[in-house]
N, C-alpha and C. Protein backbone atom coordinates (compact mmCIF):
# COMPACT_ATOMS: atom_id res chain seq x y z
N MET A 1 7.58 -27.07 -15.78
CA MET A 1 8.18 -26.42 -14.66
C MET A 1 7.90 -24.59 -15.37
N ASN A 2 7.90 -23.74 -14.57
CA ASN A 2 7.29 -22.46 -14.41
C ASN A 2 8.03 -21.39 -13.92
N GLU A 3 9.12 -20.52 -14.77
CA GLU A 3 9.79 -19.44 -13.99
C GLU A 3 9.28 -18.51 -13.18
N ALA A 4 7.99 -18.20 -13.46
CA ALA A 4 6.97 -17.33 -12.72
C ALA A 4 6.62 -17.48 -11.55
N ALA A 5 6.73 -19.05 -11.11
CA ALA A 5 6.30 -19.86 -9.76
C ALA A 5 7.13 -18.98 -8.89
N CYS A 6 6.45 -18.85 -7.53
CA CYS A 6 6.98 -18.13 -6.58
C CYS A 6 8.41 -19.15 -5.79
N ASN A 7 7.82 -20.77 -5.86
CA ASN A 7 8.83 -21.51 -5.42
C ASN A 7 9.42 -22.15 -6.60
N TYR A 8 9.50 -21.48 -7.65
CA TYR A 8 10.83 -22.20 -8.81
C TYR A 8 12.10 -22.89 -8.42
N ASN A 9 12.40 -23.85 -8.84
CA ASN A 9 13.62 -24.32 -8.67
C ASN A 9 14.62 -24.21 -9.96
N PRO A 10 15.35 -23.91 -10.10
CA PRO A 10 15.94 -23.88 -11.83
C PRO A 10 16.79 -25.16 -11.65
N ILE A 11 16.95 -26.11 -10.76
CA ILE A 11 17.50 -27.07 -10.79
C ILE A 11 16.59 -28.40 -11.12
N ALA A 12 15.66 -28.10 -10.68
CA ALA A 12 14.46 -29.21 -10.71
C ALA A 12 14.45 -29.57 -12.33
N ASN A 13 14.42 -31.00 -12.32
CA ASN A 13 14.01 -31.82 -13.89
C ASN A 13 12.45 -32.25 -14.03
N GLU A 14 11.73 -31.88 -13.06
CA GLU A 14 10.20 -32.53 -13.24
C GLU A 14 9.44 -31.73 -12.42
N ASN A 15 8.23 -31.59 -13.25
CA ASN A 15 7.03 -30.74 -12.58
C ASN A 15 6.42 -31.49 -11.62
N ASP A 16 6.04 -31.28 -10.29
CA ASP A 16 5.59 -32.23 -9.37
C ASP A 16 4.26 -31.36 -9.09
N GLY A 17 4.08 -30.68 -9.87
CA GLY A 17 2.59 -29.99 -9.46
C GLY A 17 2.39 -29.09 -8.46
N THR A 18 3.73 -28.69 -7.55
CA THR A 18 3.37 -27.96 -6.58
C THR A 18 3.87 -26.31 -6.61
N CYS A 19 3.75 -25.76 -8.02
CA CYS A 19 3.97 -24.63 -8.36
C CYS A 19 2.89 -23.89 -7.67
N THR A 20 3.68 -22.89 -7.14
CA THR A 20 2.59 -21.77 -6.53
C THR A 20 2.94 -20.10 -6.88
N PHE A 21 1.91 -19.26 -7.09
CA PHE A 21 1.98 -17.97 -7.59
C PHE A 21 1.71 -17.19 -6.83
N VAL A 22 1.94 -15.64 -7.28
CA VAL A 22 1.58 -14.61 -6.73
C VAL A 22 0.00 -14.77 -6.54
N GLN A 23 -0.41 -14.53 -5.28
CA GLN A 23 -1.99 -14.51 -5.37
C GLN A 23 -2.68 -13.02 -6.15
N LEU A 24 -4.04 -13.51 -6.37
CA LEU A 24 -4.92 -12.07 -6.70
C LEU A 24 -4.81 -11.17 -6.00
N GLY A 25 -4.29 -9.88 -6.32
CA GLY A 25 -4.53 -8.92 -5.53
C GLY A 25 -3.19 -8.38 -4.81
N LYS A 26 -2.30 -9.25 -4.66
CA LYS A 26 -1.01 -9.12 -4.20
C LYS A 26 -0.02 -8.71 -5.18
N CYS A 27 1.16 -8.86 -4.66
CA CYS A 27 2.70 -7.93 -5.79
C CYS A 27 3.77 -8.63 -5.54
N ASP A 28 3.74 -9.92 -4.60
CA ASP A 28 4.71 -10.47 -4.87
C ASP A 28 4.50 -11.63 -3.95
N CYS A 29 5.44 -12.70 -3.81
CA CYS A 29 5.17 -14.03 -3.53
C CYS A 29 5.30 -13.93 -1.79
N ASP A 30 5.26 -12.64 -1.21
CA ASP A 30 5.64 -12.72 0.06
C ASP A 30 3.88 -12.26 0.48
N GLY A 31 2.99 -12.06 -0.32
CA GLY A 31 1.92 -11.74 0.21
C GLY A 31 1.43 -9.92 0.25
N ASN A 32 2.77 -9.25 -0.03
CA ASN A 32 2.36 -7.86 -0.07
C ASN A 32 1.86 -7.35 -1.03
N VAL A 33 0.83 -6.08 -0.69
CA VAL A 33 0.19 -5.50 -1.68
C VAL A 33 0.71 -4.08 -2.07
N LEU A 34 0.34 -3.50 -3.13
CA LEU A 34 0.61 -2.01 -3.25
C LEU A 34 0.00 -1.28 -2.67
N ASP A 35 1.11 -0.07 -2.14
CA ASP A 35 0.36 0.89 -1.37
C ASP A 35 -0.20 2.03 -2.42
N CYS A 36 -0.28 3.13 -1.69
CA CYS A 36 -1.44 4.24 -2.47
C CYS A 36 -0.43 4.79 -3.13
N SER A 37 0.93 4.52 -3.10
CA SER A 37 1.96 5.12 -4.01
C SER A 37 2.32 4.18 -5.23
N GLY A 38 1.78 2.98 -4.95
CA GLY A 38 1.98 1.88 -5.99
C GLY A 38 3.52 1.14 -5.63
N VAL A 39 3.69 1.15 -4.39
CA VAL A 39 5.11 0.34 -3.90
C VAL A 39 4.55 -0.92 -3.55
N CYS A 40 5.00 -1.96 -3.98
CA CYS A 40 4.76 -3.38 -3.41
C CYS A 40 5.55 -3.26 -2.06
N GLY A 41 4.52 -3.63 -0.82
CA GLY A 41 4.89 -3.64 0.19
C GLY A 41 5.30 -2.25 0.80
N GLY A 42 5.14 -1.26 0.45
CA GLY A 42 5.45 -0.27 0.84
C GLY A 42 4.61 0.34 1.97
N ASP A 43 4.84 1.49 2.73
CA ASP A 43 3.85 1.99 3.81
C ASP A 43 2.85 3.04 3.43
N ASP A 44 2.83 3.65 2.28
CA ASP A 44 2.24 4.93 2.23
C ASP A 44 0.44 4.21 1.99
N MET A 45 -0.11 5.30 3.15
CA MET A 45 -1.45 4.59 3.30
C MET A 45 -1.98 5.69 2.90
N PRO A 46 -3.81 5.88 2.15
CA PRO A 46 -4.46 6.78 1.86
C PRO A 46 -5.30 7.55 3.04
N ASP A 47 -5.41 8.88 2.93
CA ASP A 47 -6.18 9.56 3.53
C ASP A 47 -7.24 10.37 2.58
N GLY A 48 -7.90 11.44 3.09
CA GLY A 48 -8.91 11.90 2.27
C GLY A 48 -8.06 13.00 1.40
N CYS A 49 -6.63 13.20 1.48
CA CYS A 49 -5.97 14.40 0.64
C CYS A 49 -5.15 13.23 -0.23
N GLY A 50 -4.87 12.06 0.09
CA GLY A 50 -4.08 11.27 -0.80
C GLY A 50 -3.17 10.10 0.28
N CYS A 51 -2.08 10.23 -0.20
CA CYS A 51 -0.88 9.14 0.15
C CYS A 51 -0.53 10.48 1.70
N TRP A 52 -0.27 9.67 3.05
CA TRP A 52 -0.10 10.34 3.87
C TRP A 52 1.29 9.82 4.74
N TRP A 53 1.38 8.74 4.52
CA TRP A 53 2.60 7.93 5.77
C TRP A 53 3.81 7.62 4.23
N PRO A 54 4.78 8.05 5.14
CA PRO A 54 5.34 8.79 6.10
C PRO A 54 4.48 10.13 5.74
N PRO A 55 3.91 11.24 6.92
CA PRO A 55 3.47 12.02 6.97
C PRO A 55 3.91 13.32 5.79
N PRO A 56 3.29 13.56 4.89
CA PRO A 56 3.79 14.78 4.14
C PRO A 56 3.78 16.10 4.46
N GLU A 57 4.06 17.09 3.80
CA GLU A 57 4.59 18.35 4.61
C GLU A 57 2.68 19.09 4.25
N ASP A 58 2.05 18.80 3.88
CA ASP A 58 0.98 19.12 3.59
C ASP A 58 -0.23 18.00 4.16
N VAL A 59 -1.04 18.29 5.37
CA VAL A 59 -1.95 17.84 6.36
C VAL A 59 -3.25 17.81 6.07
N CYS A 60 -4.08 17.37 5.61
CA CYS A 60 -5.56 17.91 5.66
C CYS A 60 -6.30 17.77 7.04
N GLY A 61 -7.37 18.80 7.00
CA GLY A 61 -8.23 18.59 7.97
C GLY A 61 -8.88 19.86 8.22
N CYS A 62 -9.38 20.48 9.51
CA CYS A 62 -9.91 21.76 9.40
C CYS A 62 -9.12 22.58 10.24
N TYR A 63 -9.03 23.92 9.67
CA TYR A 63 -8.30 25.15 10.36
C TYR A 63 -8.93 25.66 11.31
N GLU A 64 -10.56 25.55 11.58
CA GLU A 64 -11.23 26.36 12.63
C GLU A 64 -10.73 25.17 14.15
N ASP A 65 -11.24 25.92 15.18
CA ASP A 65 -10.39 25.40 16.34
C ASP A 65 -11.98 24.78 16.86
N ASP A 66 -12.41 23.93 16.31
CA ASP A 66 -13.80 23.02 16.89
C ASP A 66 -13.71 21.49 16.49
N GLY A 67 -14.69 21.08 16.40
CA GLY A 67 -14.54 19.33 16.54
C GLY A 67 -13.78 18.70 15.88
N ASN A 68 -13.08 18.88 14.40
CA ASN A 68 -12.23 18.57 13.82
C ASN A 68 -10.54 18.70 13.97
N TYR A 69 -10.46 20.12 14.27
CA TYR A 69 -9.12 20.81 14.09
C TYR A 69 -8.21 19.92 14.87
N GLN A 70 -6.93 20.02 14.14
CA GLN A 70 -6.10 19.45 14.55
C GLN A 70 -4.60 20.60 14.15
N LEU A 71 -3.77 20.90 14.97
CA LEU A 71 -2.57 21.81 14.69
C LEU A 71 -1.62 21.63 13.76
N LEU A 72 -1.65 20.70 13.19
CA LEU A 72 -0.55 20.37 12.11
C LEU A 72 -1.47 20.27 10.78
N TYR A 73 -2.91 20.58 10.62
CA TYR A 73 -3.73 20.47 9.48
C TYR A 73 -3.35 21.98 8.84
N GLN A 74 -3.16 21.54 7.23
CA GLN A 74 -2.54 22.82 6.59
C GLN A 74 -3.46 22.89 5.38
N ASP A 75 -4.42 21.54 5.17
CA ASP A 75 -5.26 21.79 3.93
C ASP A 75 -6.55 21.84 4.63
N GLU A 76 -7.38 22.35 4.07
CA GLU A 76 -8.91 22.39 4.58
C GLU A 76 -9.64 21.33 3.46
N ASN A 77 -10.09 20.20 4.28
CA ASN A 77 -10.42 18.76 3.28
C ASN A 77 -12.33 19.12 3.51
N GLY A 78 -12.61 19.96 4.04
CA GLY A 78 -14.23 19.67 3.70
C GLY A 78 -14.86 19.37 4.87
N ASN A 79 -14.56 18.82 6.32
CA ASN A 79 -14.89 17.91 7.03
C ASN A 79 -14.86 18.61 8.53
N CYS A 80 -15.29 20.12 8.36
CA CYS A 80 -15.48 20.94 9.43
C CYS A 80 -16.73 20.74 10.04
N PRO A 81 -16.97 20.56 11.33
CA PRO A 81 -18.40 20.75 12.06
C PRO A 81 -18.95 22.31 11.48
């Protein structure tokens, strides 16, 4: 019996071979992965400036009012046409 198994049962007295473990690339037994801030099952998603969800105060994009312009952009990211 292995206490690291996802389905570990402390009252079991025999190993029946059905232990399951955290899958490679996952961070817990529920299949979650680390977000870009290193939180297991978190919501932070990467963008060109780093983590953005929930949206930070600094938002990347183009300042110029053309192709990639967004009103909320506060940091130039080099993607302007």
